[in-house]
């Protein structure tokens, strides 16, 4: 049983759910708001608020 984490991006939408073992990403389309992210100079995602899904 894997623990899945939701990845929040600057547009407030989840681009996918990422498995804890980092082998597979489960595609999803949900909308969230008001989540903060940290981005580097190239506008790439460095870190984001993570929520435990299962």
PDB file of N, CA and C in Angstrom:
ATOM      1  N   UNK A   1       0.840  -1.196   0.000  1.00  0.00           N
ATOM      2  CA  UNK A   1       0.000   0.000   0.000  1.00  0.00           C
ATOM      3  C   UNK A   1       0.880   1.252   0.000  1.00  0.00           C
ATOM      4  N   UNK A   2       0.668   2.079  -0.990  1.00  0.00           N
ATOM      5  CA  UNK A   2       1.478   3.276  -1.126  1.00  0.00           C
ATOM      6  C   UNK A   2       0.795   4.475  -0.492  1.00  0.00           C
ATOM      7  N   UNK A   3       1.632   5.378   0.006  1.00  0.00           N
ATOM      8  CA  UNK A   3       1.099   6.664   0.449  1.00  0.00           C
ATOM      9  C   UNK A   3       1.231   7.632  -0.713  1.00  0.00           C
ATOM     10  N   UNK A   4       0.134   8.277  -1.059  1.00  0.00           N
ATOM     11  CA  UNK A   4       0.157   9.198  -2.191  1.00  0.00           C
ATOM     12  C   UNK A   4       0.146  10.635  -1.696  1.00  0.00           C
ATOM     13  N   UNK A   5       0.917  11.458  -2.360  1.00  0.00           N
ATOM     14  CA  UNK A   5       0.986  12.867  -1.996  1.00  0.00           C
ATOM     15  C   UNK A   5       0.543  13.710  -3.169  1.00  0.00           C
ATOM     16  N   UNK A   6      -0.215  14.746  -2.872  1.00  0.00           N
ATOM     17  CA  UNK A   6      -0.703  15.616  -3.935  1.00  0.00           C
ATOM     18  C   UNK A   6       0.310  16.731  -4.150  1.00  0.00           C
ATOM     19  N   UNK A   7       0.578  17.061  -5.397  1.00  0.00           N
ATOM     20  CA  UNK A   7       1.556  18.088  -5.694  1.00  0.00           C
ATOM     21  C   UNK A   7       0.851  19.355  -6.145  1.00  0.00           C
ATOM     22  N   UNK A   8       1.073  20.430  -5.396  1.00  0.00           N
ATOM     23  CA  UNK A   8       0.432  21.698  -5.719  1.00  0.00           C
ATOM     24  C   UNK A   8       1.386  22.598  -6.488  1.00  0.00           C
ATOM     25  N   UNK A   9       0.920  23.213  -7.552  1.00  0.00           N
ATOM     26  CA  UNK A   9       1.752  24.114  -8.338  1.00  0.00           C
ATOM     27  C   UNK A   9       1.216  25.532  -8.269  1.00  0.00           C
ATOM     28  N   UNK A  10       1.981  26.475  -8.814  1.00  0.00           N
ATOM     29  CA  UNK A  10       1.672  27.879  -8.616  1.00  0.00           C
ATOM     30  C   UNK A  10       0.322  28.298  -9.171  1.00  0.00           C
ATOM     31  N   UNK A  11      -0.208  27.533 -10.137  1.00  0.00           N
ATOM     32  CA  UNK A  11      -1.511  27.892 -10.696  1.00  0.00           C
ATOM     33  C   UNK A  11      -2.650  27.400  -9.809  1.00  0.00           C
ATOM     34  N   UNK A  12      -2.301  26.728  -8.699  1.00  0.00           N
ATOM     35  CA  UNK A  12      -3.323  26.266  -7.776  1.00  0.00           C
ATOM     36  C   UNK A  12      -3.947  24.954  -8.176  1.00  0.00           C
ATOM     37  N   UNK A  13      -3.436  24.346  -9.246  1.00  0.00           N
ATOM     38  CA  UNK A  13      -4.004  23.076  -9.689  1.00  0.00           C
ATOM     39  C   UNK A  13      -3.020  21.943  -9.452  1.00  0.00           C
ATOM     40  N   UNK A  14      -3.542  20.763  -9.242  1.00  0.00           N
ATOM     41  CA  UNK A  14      -2.678  19.620  -9.066  1.00  0.00           C
ATOM     42  C   UNK A  14      -2.389  19.012 -10.428  1.00  0.00           C
ATOM     43  N   UNK A  15      -1.104  18.904 -10.749  1.00  0.00           N
ATOM     44  CA  UNK A  15      -0.748  18.296 -12.025  1.00  0.00           C
ATOM     45  C   UNK A  15      -0.728  16.784 -11.906  1.00  0.00           C
ATOM     46  N   UNK A  16      -0.700  16.281 -10.700  1.00  0.00           N
ATOM     47  CA  UNK A  16      -0.746  14.834 -10.535  1.00  0.00           C
ATOM     48  C   UNK A  16      -0.544  14.416  -9.098  1.00  0.00           C
ATOM     49  N   UNK A  17      -0.784  13.143  -8.834  1.00  0.00           N
ATOM     50  CA  UNK A  17      -0.494  12.561  -7.534  1.00  0.00           C
ATOM     51  C   UNK A  17       0.781  11.736  -7.676  1.00  0.00           C
ATOM     52  N   UNK A  18       1.692  11.922  -6.751  1.00  0.00           N
ATOM     53  CA  UNK A  18       2.961  11.227  -6.837  1.00  0.00           C
ATOM     54  C   UNK A  18       3.080  10.188  -5.732  1.00  0.00           C
ATOM     55  N   UNK A  19       3.432   8.977  -6.112  1.00  0.00           N
ATOM     56  CA  UNK A  19       3.585   7.912  -5.133  1.00  0.00           C
ATOM     57  C   UNK A  19       4.811   8.180  -4.272  1.00  0.00           C
ATOM     58  N   UNK A  20       4.767   7.721  -3.031  1.00  0.00           N
ATOM     59  CA  UNK A  20       5.859   7.963  -2.105  1.00  0.00           C
ATOM     60  C   UNK A  20       7.173   7.355  -2.599  1.00  0.00           C
ATOM     61  N   UNK A  21       7.097   6.231  -3.271  1.00  0.00           N
ATOM     62  CA  UNK A  21       8.312   5.577  -3.747  1.00  0.00           C
ATOM     63  C   UNK A  21       8.888   6.238  -4.992  1.00  0.00           C
ATOM     64  N   UNK A  22       8.177   7.230  -5.520  1.00  0.00           N
ATOM     65  CA  UNK A  22       8.649   8.056  -6.627  1.00  0.00           C
ATOM     66  C   UNK A  22       8.884   7.254  -7.900  1.00  0.00           C
ATOM     67  N   UNK A  23       8.210   6.114  -8.050  1.00  0.00           N
ATOM     68  CA  UNK A  23       8.357   5.308  -9.257  1.00  0.00           C
ATOM     69  C   UNK A  23       7.300   5.670 -10.276  1.00  0.00           C
ATOM     70  N   UNK A  24       6.079   5.881  -9.798  1.00  0.00           N
ATOM     71  CA  UNK A  24       5.014   6.224 -10.726  1.00  0.00           C
ATOM     72  C   UNK A  24       4.270   7.454 -10.270  1.00  0.00           C
ATOM     73  N   UNK A  25       3.735   8.193 -11.231  1.00  0.00           N
ATOM     74  CA  UNK A  25       2.877   9.329 -10.913  1.00  0.00           C
ATOM     75  C   UNK A  25       1.500   9.032 -11.459  1.00  0.00           C
ATOM     76  N   UNK A  26       0.474   9.225 -10.614  1.00  0.00           N
ATOM     77  CA  UNK A  26      -0.893   8.972 -11.044  1.00  0.00           C
ATOM     78  C   UNK A  26      -1.507  10.280 -11.516  1.00  0.00           C
ATOM     79  N   UNK A  27      -1.917  10.324 -12.765  1.00  0.00           N
ATOM     80  CA  UNK A  27      -2.476  11.561 -13.306  1.00  0.00           C
ATOM     81  C   UNK A  27      -3.852  11.832 -12.712  1.00  0.00           C
ATOM     82  N   UNK A  28      -4.073  13.105 -12.418  1.00  0.00           N
ATOM     83  CA  UNK A  28      -5.302  13.509 -11.765  1.00  0.00           C
ATOM     84  C   UNK A  28      -5.654  14.897 -12.247  1.00  0.00           C
ATOM     85  N   UNK A  29      -6.882  15.319 -12.113  1.00  0.00           N
ATOM     86  CA  UNK A  29      -7.177  16.720 -12.403  1.00  0.00           C
ATOM     87  C   UNK A  29      -8.149  17.244 -11.360  1.00  0.00           C
ATOM     88  N   UNK A  30      -7.582  17.921 -10.358  1.00  0.00           N
ATOM     89  CA  UNK A  30      -8.377  18.547  -9.312  1.00  0.00           C
ATOM     90  C   UNK A  30      -7.949  20.000  -9.206  1.00  0.00           C
ATOM     91  N   UNK A  31      -8.759  20.787  -8.598  1.00  0.00           N
ATOM     92  CA  UNK A  31      -8.419  22.197  -8.449  1.00  0.00           C
ATOM     93  C   UNK A  31      -8.353  22.582  -6.979  1.00  0.00           C
ATOM     94  N   UNK A  32      -7.271  23.250  -6.615  1.00  0.00           N
ATOM     95  CA  UNK A  32      -7.116  23.739  -5.257  1.00  0.00           C
ATOM     96  C   UNK A  32      -6.689  25.200  -5.294  1.00  0.00           C
ATOM     97  N   UNK A  33      -6.852  25.893  -4.206  1.00  0.00           N
ATOM     98  CA  UNK A  33      -6.490  27.302  -4.159  1.00  0.00           C
ATOM     99  C   UNK A  33      -5.679  27.618  -2.909  1.00  0.00           C
ATOM    100  N   UNK A  34      -4.920  28.707  -3.016  1.00  0.00           N
ATOM    101  CA  UNK A  34      -4.201  29.268  -1.872  1.00  0.00           C
ATOM    102  C   UNK A  34      -3.123  28.357  -1.302  1.00  0.00           C
ATOM    103  N   UNK A  35      -2.438  27.632  -2.181  1.00  0.00           N
ATOM    104  CA  UNK A  35      -1.303  26.848  -1.736  1.00  0.00           C
ATOM    105  C   UNK A  35      -0.020  27.555  -2.156  1.00  0.00           C
ATOM    106  N   UNK A  36       0.941  27.599  -1.248  1.00  0.00           N
ATOM    107  CA  UNK A  36       2.187  28.298  -1.535  1.00  0.00           C
ATOM    108  C   UNK A  36       3.228  27.326  -2.079  1.00  0.00           C
ATOM    109  N   UNK A  37       4.010  27.819  -3.007  1.00  0.00           N
ATOM    110  CA  UNK A  37       5.103  27.017  -3.542  1.00  0.00           C
ATOM    111  C   UNK A  37       6.383  27.843  -3.558  1.00  0.00           C
ATOM    112  N   UNK A  38       7.506  27.173  -3.593  1.00  0.00           N
ATOM    113  CA  UNK A  38       8.799  27.839  -3.735  1.00  0.00           C
ATOM    114  C   UNK A  38       9.357  27.468  -5.101  1.00  0.00           C
ATOM    115  N   UNK A  39       9.761  28.487  -5.851  1.00  0.00           N
ATOM    116  CA  UNK A  39      10.269  28.231  -7.195  1.00  0.00           C
ATOM    117  C   UNK A  39      11.670  28.806  -7.347  1.00  0.00           C
ATOM    118  N   UNK A  40      12.475  28.171  -8.184  1.00  0.00           N
ATOM    119  CA  UNK A  40      13.814  28.681  -8.415  1.00  0.00           C
ATOM    120  C   UNK A  40      13.801  29.737  -9.515  1.00  0.00           C
ATOM    121  N   UNK A  41      14.978  30.198  -9.920  1.00  0.00           N
ATOM    122  CA  UNK A  41      15.060  31.282 -10.899  1.00  0.00           C
ATOM    123  C   UNK A  41      14.535  30.878 -12.269  1.00  0.00           C
ATOM    124  N   UNK A  42      14.474  29.587 -12.532  1.00  0.00           N
ATOM    125  CA  UNK A  42      13.959  29.097 -13.812  1.00  0.00           C
ATOM    126  C   UNK A  42      12.476  28.766 -13.742  1.00  0.00           C
ATOM    127  N   UNK A  43      11.832  29.210 -12.644  1.00  0.00           N
ATOM    128  CA  UNK A  43      10.396  29.022 -12.475  1.00  0.00           C
ATOM    129  C   UNK A  43      10.003  27.554 -12.342  1.00  0.00           C
ATOM    130  N   UNK A  44      10.971  26.730 -11.912  1.00  0.00           N
ATOM    131  CA  UNK A  44      10.679  25.320 -11.688  1.00  0.00           C
ATOM    132  C   UNK A  44      10.230  25.118 -10.246  1.00  0.00           C
ATOM    133  N   UNK A  45       9.409  24.122 -10.049  1.00  0.00           N
ATOM    134  CA  UNK A  45       8.910  23.839  -8.711  1.00  0.00           C
ATOM    135  C   UNK A  45      10.016  23.269  -7.832  1.00  0.00           C
ATOM    136  N   UNK A  46      10.270  23.933  -6.715  1.00  0.00           N
ATOM    137  CA  UNK A  46      11.277  23.457  -5.783  1.00  0.00           C
ATOM    138  C   UNK A  46      10.611  22.712  -4.633  1.00  0.00           C
ATOM    139  N   UNK A  47       9.583  23.309  -4.081  1.00  0.00           N
ATOM    140  CA  UNK A  47       8.845  22.644  -3.012  1.00  0.00           C
ATOM    141  C   UNK A  47       7.422  23.165  -2.981  1.00  0.00           C
ATOM    142  N   UNK A  48       6.549  22.386  -2.395  1.00  0.00           N
ATOM    143  CA  UNK A  48       5.150  22.799  -2.336  1.00  0.00           C
ATOM    144  C   UNK A  48       4.507  22.179  -1.101  1.00  0.00           C
ATOM    145  N   UNK A  49       3.353  22.691  -0.752  1.00  0.00           N
ATOM    146  CA  UNK A  49       2.604  22.070   0.336  1.00  0.00           C
ATOM    147  C   UNK A  49       2.152  20.695  -0.102  1.00  0.00           C
ATOM    148  N   UNK A  50       2.400  19.703   0.744  1.00  0.00           N
ATOM    149  CA  UNK A  50       2.030  18.345   0.389  1.00  0.00           C
ATOM    150  C   UNK A  50       0.894  17.880   1.279  1.00  0.00           C
ATOM    151  N   UNK A  51      -0.091  17.232   0.690  1.00  0.00           N
ATOM    152  CA  UNK A  51      -1.199  16.711   1.469  1.00  0.00           C
ATOM    153  C   UNK A  51      -1.283  15.206   1.320  1.00  0.00           C
ATOM    154  N   UNK A  52      -1.434  14.520   2.417  1.00  0.00           N
ATOM    155  CA  UNK A  52      -1.534  13.066   2.358  1.00  0.00           C
ATOM    156  C   UNK A  52      -2.908  12.667   1.843  1.00  0.00           C
ATOM    157  N   UNK A  53      -2.931  11.842   0.825  1.00  0.00           N
ATOM    158  CA  UNK A  53      -4.185  11.426   0.226  1.00  0.00           C
ATOM    159  C   UNK A  53      -4.620  10.079   0.779  1.00  0.00           C
ATOM    160  N   UNK A  54      -3.690   9.109   0.837  1.00  0.00           N
ATOM    161  CA  UNK A  54      -4.042   7.779   1.332  1.00  0.00           C
ATOM    162  C   UNK A  54      -2.824   7.119   1.963  1.00  0.00           C
TER     163      UNK A  54
END
